[in-house]
């Protein structure tokens, strides 16, 4: 697998993981009871970008390592998944 392919797969995993990690531990301004004028109650009270990026990177690295081991050492690939869409020849 080329370096560009490795980066592309990791980037896709990282981006999907980012949206799963974003709501973790988020407290809204409404939860804190301190709503800033001009914002909605559901806006984050304190957005910790560094924590979110670090957690996303660690989780996506673990997911990528599992995928890499499954594909290279155990021979599991997308071709092994059952086909659920009929094939029209």
Protein backbone atom coordinates (compact mmCIF):
# COMPACT_ATOMS: atom_id res chain seq x y z
CA UNK A 1 0.00 0.00 0.00
CA UNK A 2 1.39 3.37 -0.96
CA UNK A 3 2.00 6.17 1.51
CA UNK A 4 -0.75 8.25 -0.10
CA UNK A 5 -3.26 5.43 0.35
CA UNK A 6 -2.27 5.00 3.98
CA UNK A 7 -2.76 8.72 4.58
CA UNK A 8 -6.10 8.75 2.74
CA UNK A 9 -7.54 5.85 4.76
CA UNK A 10 -6.28 7.34 8.04
CA UNK A 11 -7.72 10.76 7.14
CA UNK A 12 -11.15 9.28 6.42
CA UNK A 13 -11.10 7.35 9.71
CA UNK A 14 -9.91 10.47 11.55
CA UNK A 15 -12.65 12.66 10.08
CA UNK A 16 -15.43 10.19 10.93
CA UNK A 17 -14.03 9.76 14.44
CA UNK A 18 -13.93 13.53 14.92
CA UNK A 19 -17.71 13.77 14.59
CA UNK A 20 -18.14 10.90 17.06
CA UNK A 21 -15.79 12.53 19.61
CA UNK A 22 -17.09 16.13 19.38
CA UNK A 23 -20.11 15.69 21.69
CA UNK A 24 -18.17 13.73 24.35
CA UNK A 25 -17.93 15.73 27.56
CA UNK A 26 -19.51 18.82 26.03
CA UNK A 27 -21.39 21.04 28.46
CA UNK A 28 -23.69 23.63 26.95
CA UNK A 29 -24.13 27.17 28.19
CA UNK A 30 -27.63 26.18 29.27
CA UNK A 31 -26.21 23.35 31.41
CA UNK A 32 -23.74 25.74 33.04
CA UNK A 33 -26.43 28.38 33.60
CA UNK A 34 -24.27 31.07 32.00
CA UNK A 35 -25.68 31.99 28.58
CA UNK A 36 -23.70 34.67 26.77
CA UNK A 37 -25.82 37.38 25.17
CA UNK A 38 -26.28 36.70 21.46
CA UNK A 39 -25.72 32.93 21.64
CA UNK A 40 -28.10 30.01 21.96
CA UNK A 41 -28.32 27.91 25.12
CA UNK A 42 -26.96 24.85 23.30
CA UNK A 43 -23.65 26.55 22.43
CA UNK A 44 -20.64 24.99 24.17
CA UNK A 45 -19.66 26.66 27.43
CA UNK A 46 -15.97 25.84 26.96
CA UNK A 47 -14.75 24.30 23.71
CA UNK A 48 -11.54 22.40 24.31
CA UNK A 49 -10.16 21.93 20.80
CA UNK A 50 -6.86 20.44 21.93
CA UNK A 51 -8.59 17.72 23.95
CA UNK A 52 -10.93 16.89 21.07
CA UNK A 53 -8.11 16.72 18.51
CA UNK A 54 -5.90 14.57 20.75
CA UNK A 55 -8.70 12.16 21.60
CA UNK A 56 -9.71 11.94 17.93
CA UNK A 57 -6.12 11.21 16.88
CA UNK A 58 -5.67 8.48 19.51
CA UNK A 59 -8.96 6.73 18.77
CA UNK A 60 -8.49 6.90 15.00
CA UNK A 61 -4.93 5.57 15.34
CA UNK A 62 -6.27 2.57 17.26
CA UNK A 63 -8.98 1.98 14.65
CA UNK A 64 -6.44 2.27 11.83
CA UNK A 65 -4.04 -0.13 13.58
CA UNK A 66 -6.84 -2.69 13.95
CA UNK A 67 -7.77 -2.30 10.28
CA UNK A 68 -4.11 -2.54 9.23
CA UNK A 69 -3.59 -5.72 11.26
CA UNK A 70 -6.80 -7.27 9.94
CA UNK A 71 -5.93 -6.53 6.33
CA UNK A 72 -2.20 -7.32 6.34
CA UNK A 73 -1.80 -10.10 8.91
CA UNK A 74 -5.18 -11.84 8.83
CA UNK A 75 -6.05 -11.29 5.16
CA UNK A 76 -9.42 -9.70 5.85
CA UNK A 77 -10.43 -7.17 3.23
CA UNK A 78 -13.52 -5.51 1.84
CA UNK A 79 -13.78 -8.34 -0.67
CA UNK A 80 -14.50 -10.78 2.17
CA UNK A 81 -17.67 -8.96 3.20
CA UNK A 82 -20.92 -10.50 1.96
CA UNK A 83 -22.48 -8.81 -1.03
CA UNK A 84 -25.96 -7.48 -0.19
CA UNK A 85 -26.64 -5.71 -3.48
CA UNK A 86 -27.55 -7.99 -6.40
CA UNK A 87 -25.10 -8.19 -9.24
CA UNK A 88 -26.56 -7.41 -12.67
CA UNK A 89 -24.55 -9.02 -15.46
